[in-house]
Amino acid sequence: QVQLVESGGGLVQAGGSLRLSCTASGRTSARDGVGWFRRPPGQGREFVAAITWSAGSTVYADSVKGRFAISRDNAKNTVYLQMNSLKPEDTAIYYCTAGYRASTLAGLYNVWGQGTQVTVSS
């Protein structure tokens, strides 16, 4: 059974940076996709970025392109989300998720982490 643990959230001023980590235990090659989603206060869940373990292929939401970078370290079973030039509207709970392929659709993922809070002050 795959389990995901996120870390790295916190409070940062606008323009600052944070790096989130997602470490997977019990990972199998069948689940090739890892995604990051977020839930801003009072809003629904939205896609942020995704990557494949095998090829490192990535996809980003338009709202974070050029500011966020997703990467993976297969040896550590860890996926990172480097967030730069943070804005107050990036404030949200960030969730890591695993699925059989990388996708922008939350419904295609079947394992979710507990989430980590990111707060960006203006």
Protein backbone atom coordinates (compact mmCIF):
# COMPACT_ATOMS: atom_id res chain seq x y z
CA GLN A 1 0.00 0.00 0.00
CA VAL A 2 1.47 3.33 -1.09
CA GLN A 3 1.61 6.07 1.53
CA LEU A 4 2.54 9.68 0.85
CA VAL A 5 3.93 12.17 3.35
CA GLU A 6 4.24 15.85 2.50
CA SER A 7 6.53 18.32 4.21
CA GLY A 8 7.97 21.78 3.69
CA GLY A 9 4.95 24.00 4.04
CA GLY A 10 4.97 27.18 6.10
CA LEU A 11 4.56 30.94 6.15
CA VAL A 12 6.45 33.07 3.64
CA GLN A 13 6.26 36.64 2.41
CA ALA A 14 5.16 37.42 -1.13
CA GLY A 15 8.04 37.01 -3.53
CA GLY A 16 9.64 34.33 -1.40
CA SER A 17 10.24 30.64 -2.00
CA LEU A 18 9.36 27.30 -0.45
CA ARG A 19 10.14 23.72 -1.40
CA LEU A 20 7.61 21.02 -0.70
CA SER A 21 8.58 17.36 -0.49
CA CYS A 22 6.46 14.27 -1.01
CA THR A 23 7.97 10.97 0.08
CA ALA A 24 6.34 7.74 -1.02
CA SER A 25 6.57 4.48 0.88
CA GLY A 26 5.45 1.17 -0.57
CA ARG A 27 5.76 2.57 -4.08
CA THR A 28 5.42 0.25 -7.08
CA SER A 29 6.27 0.91 -10.71
CA ALA A 30 2.59 0.63 -11.60
CA ARG A 31 1.85 4.06 -10.11
CA ASP A 32 3.98 6.20 -12.40
CA GLY A 33 2.37 9.58 -11.83
CA VAL A 34 2.73 11.99 -8.92
CA GLY A 35 0.75 15.18 -8.76
CA TRP A 36 0.46 18.24 -6.57
CA PHE A 37 -2.95 19.77 -6.01
CA ARG A 38 -3.98 22.60 -3.74
CA ARG A 39 -7.11 23.81 -1.98
CA PRO A 40 -7.20 27.58 -1.36
CA PRO A 41 -9.33 28.83 1.56
CA GLY A 42 -13.02 28.50 0.74
CA GLN A 43 -12.34 27.12 -2.73
CA GLY A 44 -12.21 23.78 -4.46
CA ARG A 45 -9.20 21.63 -5.16
CA GLU A 46 -7.09 22.64 -8.14
CA PHE A 47 -4.27 21.06 -10.10
CA VAL A 48 -0.76 22.48 -9.68
CA ALA A 49 1.80 20.17 -11.31
CA ALA A 50 2.53 16.52 -12.06
CA ILE A 51 5.49 14.35 -12.99
CA THR A 52 6.19 10.75 -13.99
CA TRP A 53 8.67 8.61 -12.06
CA SER A 54 9.83 6.83 -15.21
CA ALA A 55 10.63 9.63 -17.67
CA GLY A 56 10.35 12.71 -15.52
CA SER A 57 7.72 14.16 -17.85
CA THR A 58 6.03 17.20 -16.33
CA VAL A 59 2.85 19.22 -16.71
CA TYR A 60 1.92 22.48 -14.98
CA ALA A 61 -1.12 24.59 -14.37
CA ASP A 62 -0.95 27.89 -16.25
CA SER A 63 -1.12 29.80 -12.97
CA VAL A 64 2.22 28.41 -11.80
CA LYS A 65 4.20 28.04 -15.04
CA GLY A 66 7.55 29.77 -14.80
CA ARG A 67 7.32 30.04 -11.00
CA PHE A 68 7.00 26.45 -9.78
CA ALA A 69 9.14 23.45 -10.72
CA ILE A 70 8.37 19.81 -10.02
CA SER A 71 11.15 17.23 -9.86
CA ARG A 72 11.76 13.75 -8.53
CA ASP A 73 14.53 11.75 -6.89
CA ASN A 74 13.82 8.11 -7.66
CA ALA A 75 16.48 6.85 -5.26
CA LYS A 76 14.74 8.66 -2.39
CA ASN A 77 11.18 7.99 -3.61
CA THR A 78 10.63 11.71 -3.23
CA VAL A 79 8.98 14.33 -5.42
CA TYR A 80 9.68 18.01 -4.88
CA LEU A 81 7.74 21.14 -5.69
CA GLN A 82 9.98 24.19 -5.78
CA MET A 83 7.81 27.29 -5.47
CA ASN A 84 9.35 30.65 -6.33
CA SER A 85 7.93 34.16 -6.63
CA LEU A 86 5.10 33.18 -4.34
CA LYS A 87 1.93 35.26 -4.33
CA PRO A 88 -0.80 35.60 -1.70
CA GLU A 89 -3.13 33.71 -4.04
CA ASP A 90 -0.84 30.67 -3.74
CA THR A 91 -2.02 30.31 -0.15
CA ALA A 92 -3.59 26.87 0.17
CA ILE A 93 -3.28 23.39 1.56
CA TYR A 94 -1.03 21.50 -0.85
CA TYR A 95 -1.63 17.79 -1.39
CA CYS A 96 0.61 15.19 -2.98
CA THR A 97 -1.08 12.36 -4.84
CA ALA A 98 -0.11 9.21 -6.74
CA GLY A 99 -1.75 7.54 -9.70
CA TYR A 100 -1.09 5.23 -12.62
CA ARG A 101 -0.14 8.18 -14.82
CA ALA A 102 0.51 11.89 -14.49
CA SER A 103 -2.65 13.85 -15.10
CA THR A 104 -4.28 17.19 -14.42
CA LEU A 105 -7.42 15.36 -13.29
CA ALA A 106 -7.78 14.62 -9.58
CA GLY A 107 -10.06 11.67 -10.30
CA LEU A 108 -7.21 9.74 -11.92
CA TYR A 109 -5.22 9.66 -8.69
CA ASN A 110 -6.01 7.12 -5.98
CA VAL A 111 -3.59 7.79 -3.14
CA TRP A 112 -3.45 11.14 -1.33
CA GLY A 113 -1.22 12.61 1.34
CA GLN A 114 -2.49 14.49 4.36
CA GLY A 115 -1.60 17.92 2.98
CA THR A 116 0.71 20.72 4.06
CA GLN A 117 -0.28 24.34 4.61
CA VAL A 118 1.37 27.10 2.59
CA THR A 119 0.59 30.68 3.59
CA VAL A 120 1.90 33.63 1.61
CA SER A 121 1.60 37.02 3.28
CA SER A 122 1.38 40.26 1.33
